[in-house]
């Protein structure tokens, strides 16, 4: 919607446009009008929202067990557990839902800022946009963390351990087994002999593992890396502009 508004007003925008504002909402940075400067925020807003959608799509692709034919001798062979699989997916689905709301909040705020900063008729949106981005983000994160903790408790009650999960516990709990499948202090789980893409973590209690040895797991982490990179680079780019 912001892109449509800006496209309709583009011919009437001045040749020099504001691209940065101080805390009082007054412009303190300017640049020559171009498609890149005008549509930068709507593009970033679309990317932020889209990235969370992609992460949920990847989670759904990770539902089925993956082939383990190419597993190396270093891998720890474990069975596929329906209970552990269901608990991990239930927790991750709840987390992805509030992350999607976070992406929507940030995306809407950035879009409103884009229209408010360039089109005088929409200048009244500037303050609500800042409130949405700053306060809205905090509210979504707090509520989202509560929902994630609740989903974790629900999953433990709804999906009790089965025999395959007990066997996974026996095989993955020893320290030597964890050294073979966990990387960077337990941050990454890589086990090509584990058919599950998403499972319960043995290195970090209460968390879940995304198995990067399978394509959906690797794609999930690529999406996370792109998102973190965008969030990190955005303030720097805006400051330069």
C-alpha atoms as a PDB file:
ATOM      1  CA  UNK A   1       0.000   0.000   0.000  1.00  0.00           C
ATOM      2  CA  UNK A   2       2.853   2.381   0.808  1.00  0.00           C
ATOM      3  CA  UNK A   3       4.491   1.585  -2.521  1.00  0.00           C
ATOM      4  CA  UNK A   4       1.239   2.355  -4.349  1.00  0.00           C
ATOM      5  CA  UNK A   5       0.850   5.668  -2.505  1.00  0.00           C
ATOM      6  CA  UNK A   6       4.434   6.651  -3.273  1.00  0.00           C
ATOM      7  CA  UNK A   7       4.123   5.613  -6.905  1.00  0.00           C
ATOM      8  CA  UNK A   8       1.016   7.784  -7.336  1.00  0.00           C
ATOM      9  CA  UNK A   9       2.773  10.776  -5.757  1.00  0.00           C
ATOM     10  CA  UNK A  10       6.207  10.171  -7.285  1.00  0.00           C
ATOM     11  CA  UNK A  11       5.918  12.730 -10.147  1.00  0.00           C
ATOM     12  CA  UNK A  12       4.960  15.473  -7.652  1.00  0.00           C
ATOM     13  CA  UNK A  13       7.709  14.778  -5.123  1.00  0.00           C
ATOM     14  CA  UNK A  14      10.516  17.390  -4.973  1.00  0.00           C
ATOM     15  CA  UNK A  15      13.867  16.602  -6.578  1.00  0.00           C
ATOM     16  CA  UNK A  16      15.499  16.592  -3.117  1.00  0.00           C
ATOM     17  CA  UNK A  17      13.657  14.504  -0.518  1.00  0.00           C
ATOM     18  CA  UNK A  18      14.137  13.874   3.232  1.00  0.00           C
ATOM     19  CA  UNK A  19      15.579  10.470   4.067  1.00  0.00           C
ATOM     20  CA  UNK A  20      16.306  10.857   7.788  1.00  0.00           C
ATOM     21  CA  UNK A  21      14.492  12.519  10.696  1.00  0.00           C
ATOM     22  CA  UNK A  22      15.518  13.487  14.213  1.00  0.00           C
ATOM     23  CA  UNK A  23      13.656  12.605  17.407  1.00  0.00           C
ATOM     24  CA  UNK A  24      11.321  15.576  16.943  1.00  0.00           C
ATOM     25  CA  UNK A  25      10.253  14.333  13.526  1.00  0.00           C
ATOM     26  CA  UNK A  26      12.147  17.062  11.677  1.00  0.00           C
ATOM     27  CA  UNK A  27      14.141  16.125   8.572  1.00  0.00           C
ATOM     28  CA  UNK A  28      17.909  16.284   9.066  1.00  0.00           C
ATOM     29  CA  UNK A  29      19.104  14.228   6.093  1.00  0.00           C
ATOM     30  CA  UNK A  30      18.344  14.661   2.384  1.00  0.00           C
ATOM     31  CA  UNK A  31      19.050  12.906  -0.920  1.00  0.00           C
ATOM     32  CA  UNK A  32      18.227  13.287  -4.586  1.00  0.00           C
ATOM     33  CA  UNK A  33      14.910  11.768  -5.571  1.00  0.00           C
ATOM     34  CA  UNK A  34      15.225   8.350  -7.163  1.00  0.00           C
ATOM     35  CA  UNK A  35      13.274   5.124  -7.263  1.00  0.00           C
ATOM     36  CA  UNK A  36      15.809   3.614  -4.839  1.00  0.00           C
ATOM     37  CA  UNK A  37      15.487   6.340  -2.198  1.00  0.00           C
ATOM     38  CA  UNK A  38      11.708   6.614  -2.465  1.00  0.00           C
ATOM     39  CA  UNK A  39      10.936   2.907  -2.372  1.00  0.00           C
ATOM     40  CA  UNK A  40      13.717   1.762   0.004  1.00  0.00           C
ATOM     41  CA  UNK A  41      11.507   1.459   3.108  1.00  0.00           C
ATOM     42  CA  UNK A  42       8.598  -0.343   1.395  1.00  0.00           C
ATOM     43  CA  UNK A  43      11.108  -2.783  -0.107  1.00  0.00           C
ATOM     44  CA  UNK A  44      12.691  -3.432   3.287  1.00  0.00           C
ATOM     45  CA  UNK A  45       9.224  -3.794   4.848  1.00  0.00           C
ATOM     46  CA  UNK A  46       8.271  -6.394   2.257  1.00  0.00           C
ATOM     47  CA  UNK A  47      11.531  -8.283   2.826  1.00  0.00           C
ATOM     48  CA  UNK A  48      11.038  -8.332   6.618  1.00  0.00           C
ATOM     49  CA  UNK A  49       7.492  -9.669   6.370  1.00  0.00           C
ATOM     50  CA  UNK A  50       8.403 -12.098   3.615  1.00  0.00           C
ATOM     51  CA  UNK A  51      11.318 -13.555   5.527  1.00  0.00           C
ATOM     52  CA  UNK A  52       9.101 -14.719   8.390  1.00  0.00           C
ATOM     53  CA  UNK A  53       6.692 -16.257   5.891  1.00  0.00           C
ATOM     54  CA  UNK A  54       9.582 -18.165   4.313  1.00  0.00           C
ATOM     55  CA  UNK A  55      10.688 -19.435   7.721  1.00  0.00           C
ATOM     56  CA  UNK A  56       7.222 -20.904   8.356  1.00  0.00           C
ATOM     57  CA  UNK A  57       7.145 -22.469   4.885  1.00  0.00           C
ATOM     58  CA  UNK A  58      10.497 -24.107   5.611  1.00  0.00           C
ATOM     59  CA  UNK A  59       9.176 -25.442   8.926  1.00  0.00           C
ATOM     60  CA  UNK A  60       6.283 -27.116   7.144  1.00  0.00           C
ATOM     61  CA  UNK A  61       8.668 -28.615   4.589  1.00  0.00           C
ATOM     62  CA  UNK A  62      10.618 -30.101   7.483  1.00  0.00           C
ATOM     63  CA  UNK A  63       7.661 -32.186   8.690  1.00  0.00           C
ATOM     64  CA  UNK A  64       8.568 -35.409   6.902  1.00  0.00           C
ATOM     65  CA  UNK A  65      11.528 -37.600   7.932  1.00  0.00           C
ATOM     66  CA  UNK A  66      14.548 -37.125   5.674  1.00  0.00           C
ATOM     67  CA  UNK A  67      16.670 -39.841   3.983  1.00  0.00           C
ATOM     68  CA  UNK A  68      19.840 -40.835   5.831  1.00  0.00           C
ATOM     69  CA  UNK A  69      21.543 -42.929   3.134  1.00  0.00           C
ATOM     70  CA  UNK A  70      24.505 -40.539   2.833  1.00  0.00           C
ATOM     71  CA  UNK A  71      25.329 -40.556   6.534  1.00  0.00           C
ATOM     72  CA  UNK A  72      29.031 -40.760   7.391  1.00  0.00           C
ATOM     73  CA  UNK A  73      30.668 -42.968  10.001  1.00  0.00           C
ATOM     74  CA  UNK A  74      30.967 -39.938  12.304  1.00  0.00           C
ATOM     75  CA  UNK A  75      27.183 -39.538  12.413  1.00  0.00           C
ATOM     76  CA  UNK A  76      25.136 -40.788  15.364  1.00  0.00           C
ATOM     77  CA  UNK A  77      22.348 -42.981  14.034  1.00  0.00           C
ATOM     78  CA  UNK A  78      19.086 -42.371  15.890  1.00  0.00           C
ATOM     79  CA  UNK A  79      15.462 -43.404  15.252  1.00  0.00           C
ATOM     80  CA  UNK A  80      12.708 -41.015  14.240  1.00  0.00           C
ATOM     81  CA  UNK A  81      10.467 -40.187  17.229  1.00  0.00           C
ATOM     82  CA  UNK A  82       6.910 -39.040  16.549  1.00  0.00           C
ATOM     83  CA  UNK A  83       6.536 -37.609  20.067  1.00  0.00           C
ATOM     84  CA  UNK A  84       9.765 -35.576  20.030  1.00  0.00           C
ATOM     85  CA  UNK A  85       9.002 -34.481  16.489  1.00  0.00           C
ATOM     86  CA  UNK A  86       5.481 -33.307  17.407  1.00  0.00           C
ATOM     87  CA  UNK A  87       6.659 -31.428  20.528  1.00  0.00           C
ATOM     88  CA  UNK A  88       9.396 -29.613  18.654  1.00  0.00           C
ATOM     89  CA  UNK A  89       7.074 -28.629  15.814  1.00  0.00           C
ATOM     90  CA  UNK A  90       4.367 -27.451  18.198  1.00  0.00           C
ATOM     91  CA  UNK A  91       6.829 -25.166  19.982  1.00  0.00           C
ATOM     92  CA  UNK A  92       8.373 -23.864  16.743  1.00  0.00           C
ATOM     93  CA  UNK A  93       4.961 -23.261  15.156  1.00  0.00           C
ATOM     94  CA  UNK A  94       3.923 -21.108  18.127  1.00  0.00           C
ATOM     95  CA  UNK A  95       7.202 -19.209  17.943  1.00  0.00           C
ATOM     96  CA  UNK A  96       6.856 -18.667  14.200  1.00  0.00           C
ATOM     97  CA  UNK A  97       3.335 -17.307  14.674  1.00  0.00           C
ATOM     98  CA  UNK A  98       4.417 -14.503  16.984  1.00  0.00           C
ATOM     99  CA  UNK A  99       7.489 -13.846  14.851  1.00  0.00           C
ATOM    100  CA  UNK A 100       5.119 -13.394  11.915  1.00  0.00           C
ATOM    101  CA  UNK A 101       3.204 -10.799  13.936  1.00  0.00           C
ATOM    102  CA  UNK A 102       6.525  -9.142  14.733  1.00  0.00           C
ATOM    103  CA  UNK A 103       7.368  -9.024  11.047  1.00  0.00           C
ATOM    104  CA  UNK A 104       3.938  -7.593  10.255  1.00  0.00           C
ATOM    105  CA  UNK A 105       4.306  -4.910  12.946  1.00  0.00           C
ATOM    106  CA  UNK A 106       7.730  -3.801  11.738  1.00  0.00           C
ATOM    107  CA  UNK A 107       6.646  -3.978   8.102  1.00  0.00           C
ATOM    108  CA  UNK A 108       3.542  -1.859   8.697  1.00  0.00           C
ATOM    109  CA  UNK A 109       5.517   0.699  10.711  1.00  0.00           C
ATOM    110  CA  UNK A 110       8.198   1.070   8.052  1.00  0.00           C
ATOM    111  CA  UNK A 111       5.564   1.408   5.332  1.00  0.00           C
ATOM    112  CA  UNK A 112       3.766   4.132   7.277  1.00  0.00           C
ATOM    113  CA  UNK A 113       7.073   5.938   7.843  1.00  0.00           C
ATOM    114  CA  UNK A 114       7.807   5.813   4.126  1.00  0.00           C
ATOM    115  CA  UNK A 115       4.507   7.501   3.232  1.00  0.00           C
ATOM    116  CA  UNK A 116       4.615   9.968   6.138  1.00  0.00           C
ATOM    117  CA  UNK A 117       8.148  11.157   5.455  1.00  0.00           C
ATOM    118  CA  UNK A 118       7.677  11.855   1.748  1.00  0.00           C
ATOM    119  CA  UNK A 119       4.039  12.797   1.168  1.00  0.00           C
ATOM    120  CA  UNK A 120       2.746  15.839   3.118  1.00  0.00           C
ATOM    121  CA  UNK A 121      -0.833  14.534   3.125  1.00  0.00           C
ATOM    122  CA  UNK A 122       0.334  11.545   5.178  1.00  0.00           C
ATOM    123  CA  UNK A 123       2.618  13.410   7.575  1.00  0.00           C
ATOM    124  CA  UNK A 124       0.147  12.720  10.402  1.00  0.00           C
ATOM    125  CA  UNK A 125       1.167   9.045  10.211  1.00  0.00           C
ATOM    126  CA  UNK A 126       4.710   9.777  11.392  1.00  0.00           C
ATOM    127  CA  UNK A 127       4.085   9.583  15.148  1.00  0.00           C
ATOM    128  CA  UNK A 128       1.751   6.529  14.991  1.00  0.00           C
ATOM    129  CA  UNK A 129       4.349   4.794  12.825  1.00  0.00           C
ATOM    130  CA  UNK A 130       7.103   5.391  15.372  1.00  0.00           C
ATOM    131  CA  UNK A 131       4.851   4.144  18.175  1.00  0.00           C
ATOM    132  CA  UNK A 132       4.006   1.049  16.149  1.00  0.00           C
ATOM    133  CA  UNK A 133       7.640   0.246  15.385  1.00  0.00           C
ATOM    134  CA  UNK A 134       9.016   0.933  18.868  1.00  0.00           C
ATOM    135  CA  UNK A 135       6.219   0.151  21.331  1.00  0.00           C
ATOM    136  CA  UNK A 136       4.448  -2.380  19.109  1.00  0.00           C
ATOM    137  CA  UNK A 137       7.638  -4.383  18.721  1.00  0.00           C
ATOM    138  CA  UNK A 138       8.134  -4.587  22.488  1.00  0.00           C
ATOM    139  CA  UNK A 139       4.526  -5.677  23.075  1.00  0.00           C
ATOM    140  CA  UNK A 140       4.667  -8.373  20.386  1.00  0.00           C
ATOM    141  CA  UNK A 141       7.955  -9.751  21.718  1.00  0.00           C
ATOM    142  CA  UNK A 142       6.717  -9.905  25.339  1.00  0.00           C
ATOM    143  CA  UNK A 143       3.420 -11.551  24.396  1.00  0.00           C
ATOM    144  CA  UNK A 144       5.191 -13.827  21.930  1.00  0.00           C
ATOM    145  CA  UNK A 145       7.667 -15.111  24.503  1.00  0.00           C
ATOM    146  CA  UNK A 146       4.779 -15.875  26.859  1.00  0.00           C
ATOM    147  CA  UNK A 147       3.010 -17.826  24.096  1.00  0.00           C
ATOM    148  CA  UNK A 148       6.189 -19.762  23.331  1.00  0.00           C
ATOM    149  CA  UNK A 149       6.612 -20.789  26.971  1.00  0.00           C
ATOM    150  CA  UNK A 150       2.952 -21.831  27.102  1.00  0.00           C
ATOM    151  CA  UNK A 151       3.318 -23.859  23.904  1.00  0.00           C
ATOM    152  CA  UNK A 152       6.336 -25.637  25.384  1.00  0.00           C
ATOM    153  CA  UNK A 153       4.309 -26.629  28.468  1.00  0.00           C
ATOM    154  CA  UNK A 154       1.372 -27.761  26.327  1.00  0.00           C
ATOM    155  CA  UNK A 155       3.639 -29.875  24.129  1.00  0.00           C
ATOM    156  CA  UNK A 156       5.048 -31.746  27.116  1.00  0.00           C
ATOM    157  CA  UNK A 157       1.507 -32.624  28.224  1.00  0.00           C
ATOM    158  CA  UNK A 158       0.080 -33.473  24.795  1.00  0.00           C
ATOM    159  CA  UNK A 159       3.007 -35.471  23.367  1.00  0.00           C
ATOM    160  CA  UNK A 160       4.569 -37.733  26.036  1.00  0.00           C
ATOM    161  CA  UNK A 161       7.820 -39.550  25.117  1.00  0.00           C
ATOM    162  CA  UNK A 162       7.538 -42.721  23.027  1.00  0.00           C
ATOM    163  CA  UNK A 163      10.016 -45.623  22.812  1.00  0.00           C
ATOM    164  CA  UNK A 164      11.895 -44.053  19.906  1.00  0.00           C
ATOM    165  CA  UNK A 165      12.426 -40.858  21.900  1.00  0.00           C
ATOM    166  CA  UNK A 166      13.823 -42.820  24.833  1.00  0.00           C
ATOM    167  CA  UNK A 167      16.238 -44.478  22.427  1.00  0.00           C
ATOM    168  CA  UNK A 168      17.232 -41.089  21.026  1.00  0.00           C
ATOM    169  CA  UNK A 169      17.914 -39.932  24.581  1.00  0.00           C
ATOM    170  CA  UNK A 170      20.176 -42.906  25.171  1.00  0.00           C
ATOM    171  CA  UNK A 171      22.130 -42.404  21.955  1.00  0.00           C
ATOM    172  CA  UNK A 172      22.455 -38.599  21.908  1.00  0.00           C
ATOM    173  CA  UNK A 173      22.917 -37.814  25.605  1.00  0.00           C
ATOM    174  CA  UNK A 174      26.527 -39.029  26.023  1.00  0.00           C
ATOM    175  CA  UNK A 175      29.208 -36.346  25.697  1.00  0.00           C
ATOM    176  CA  UNK A 176      31.096 -38.170  22.927  1.00  0.00           C
ATOM    177  CA  UNK A 177      27.911 -38.395  20.834  1.00  0.00           C
ATOM    178  CA  UNK A 178      27.201 -34.693  21.310  1.00  0.00           C
ATOM    179  CA  UNK A 179      30.724 -33.782  20.195  1.00  0.00           C
ATOM    180  CA  UNK A 180      30.036 -35.548  16.908  1.00  0.00           C
ATOM    181  CA  UNK A 181      26.771 -33.790  16.076  1.00  0.00           C
ATOM    182  CA  UNK A 182      26.935 -30.340  17.731  1.00  0.00           C
ATOM    183  CA  UNK A 183      28.967 -27.449  16.343  1.00  0.00           C
ATOM    184  CA  UNK A 184      29.988 -24.043  17.759  1.00  0.00           C
ATOM    185  CA  UNK A 185      29.267 -24.877  21.367  1.00  0.00           C
ATOM    186  CA  UNK A 186      25.973 -26.594  20.639  1.00  0.00           C
ATOM    187  CA  UNK A 187      24.542 -23.819  18.497  1.00  0.00           C
ATOM    188  CA  UNK A 188      24.344 -25.926  15.324  1.00  0.00           C
ATOM    189  CA  UNK A 189      23.097 -29.508  15.163  1.00  0.00           C
ATOM    190  CA  UNK A 190      24.391 -31.509  12.202  1.00  0.00           C
ATOM    191  CA  UNK A 191      23.599 -35.201  12.078  1.00  0.00           C
ATOM    192  CA  UNK A 192      22.992 -36.726   8.622  1.00  0.00           C
ATOM    193  CA  UNK A 193      22.034 -40.009  10.311  1.00  0.00           C
ATOM    194  CA  UNK A 194      19.105 -38.370  12.094  1.00  0.00           C
ATOM    195  CA  UNK A 195      15.974 -38.441   9.864  1.00  0.00           C
ATOM    196  CA  UNK A 196      14.348 -35.591  11.813  1.00  0.00           C
ATOM    197  CA  UNK A 197      14.929 -32.017  10.647  1.00  0.00           C
ATOM    198  CA  UNK A 198      13.470 -30.525  13.825  1.00  0.00           C
ATOM    199  CA  UNK A 199      13.890 -32.172  17.208  1.00  0.00           C
ATOM    200  CA  UNK A 200      14.520 -31.606  20.899  1.00  0.00           C
ATOM    201  CA  UNK A 201      17.973 -30.324  21.836  1.00  0.00           C
ATOM    202  CA  UNK A 202      20.340 -32.407  23.944  1.00  0.00           C
ATOM    203  CA  UNK A 203      23.042 -29.742  24.194  1.00  0.00           C
ATOM    204  CA  UNK A 204      20.688 -26.935  25.268  1.00  0.00           C
ATOM    205  CA  UNK A 205      17.882 -28.171  27.487  1.00  0.00           C
ATOM    206  CA  UNK A 206      14.485 -26.695  26.710  1.00  0.00           C
ATOM    207  CA  UNK A 207      15.441 -25.682  23.164  1.00  0.00           C
ATOM    208  CA  UNK A 208      15.012 -27.358  19.803  1.00  0.00           C
ATOM    209  CA  UNK A 209      17.540 -28.402  17.167  1.00  0.00           C
ATOM    210  CA  UNK A 210      17.306 -27.603  13.470  1.00  0.00           C
ATOM    211  CA  UNK A 211      19.288 -30.306  11.672  1.00  0.00           C
ATOM    212  CA  UNK A 212      21.462 -28.478   9.114  1.00  0.00           C
ATOM    213  CA  UNK A 213      22.460 -31.791   7.540  1.00  0.00           C
ATOM    214  CA  UNK A 214      19.153 -31.823   5.628  1.00  0.00           C
ATOM    215  CA  UNK A 215      18.069 -29.239   3.006  1.00  0.00           C
ATOM    216  CA  UNK A 216      15.078 -27.777   4.947  1.00  0.00           C
ATOM    217  CA  UNK A 217      17.264 -27.240   8.023  1.00  0.00           C
ATOM    218  CA  UNK A 218      20.040 -25.570   6.044  1.00  0.00           C
ATOM    219  CA  UNK A 219      17.491 -23.330   4.307  1.00  0.00           C
ATOM    220  CA  UNK A 220      15.995 -22.368   7.673  1.00  0.00           C
ATOM    221  CA  UNK A 221      19.341 -21.086   8.941  1.00  0.00           C
ATOM    222  CA  UNK A 222      19.977 -19.229   5.693  1.00  0.00           C
ATOM    223  CA  UNK A 223      16.669 -17.414   6.193  1.00  0.00           C
ATOM    224  CA  UNK A 224      17.614 -16.558   9.781  1.00  0.00           C
ATOM    225  CA  UNK A 225      21.024 -15.277   8.640  1.00  0.00           C
ATOM    226  CA  UNK A 226      19.425 -13.078   5.977  1.00  0.00           C
ATOM    227  CA  UNK A 227      16.951 -11.686   8.489  1.00  0.00           C
ATOM    228  CA  UNK A 228      19.626 -10.928  11.098  1.00  0.00           C
ATOM    229  CA  UNK A 229      21.783  -9.361   8.409  1.00  0.00           C
ATOM    230  CA  UNK A 230      18.946  -7.142   7.219  1.00  0.00           C
ATOM    231  CA  UNK A 231      18.096  -5.995  10.745  1.00  0.00           C
ATOM    232  CA  UNK A 232      21.785  -5.284  11.450  1.00  0.00           C
ATOM    233  CA  UNK A 233      22.508  -3.455   8.212  1.00  0.00           C
ATOM    234  CA  UNK A 234      19.293  -1.408   8.099  1.00  0.00           C
ATOM    235  CA  UNK A 235      20.273   1.133  10.820  1.00  0.00           C
ATOM    236  CA  UNK A 236      23.707   1.565   9.229  1.00  0.00           C
ATOM    237  CA  UNK A 237      22.230   2.182   5.786  1.00  0.00           C
ATOM    238  CA  UNK A 238      19.678   4.646   7.154  1.00  0.00           C
ATOM    239  CA  UNK A 239      22.434   6.504   9.013  1.00  0.00           C
ATOM    240  CA  UNK A 240      24.555   6.778   5.860  1.00  0.00           C
ATOM    241  CA  UNK A 241      21.587   8.053   3.891  1.00  0.00           C
END
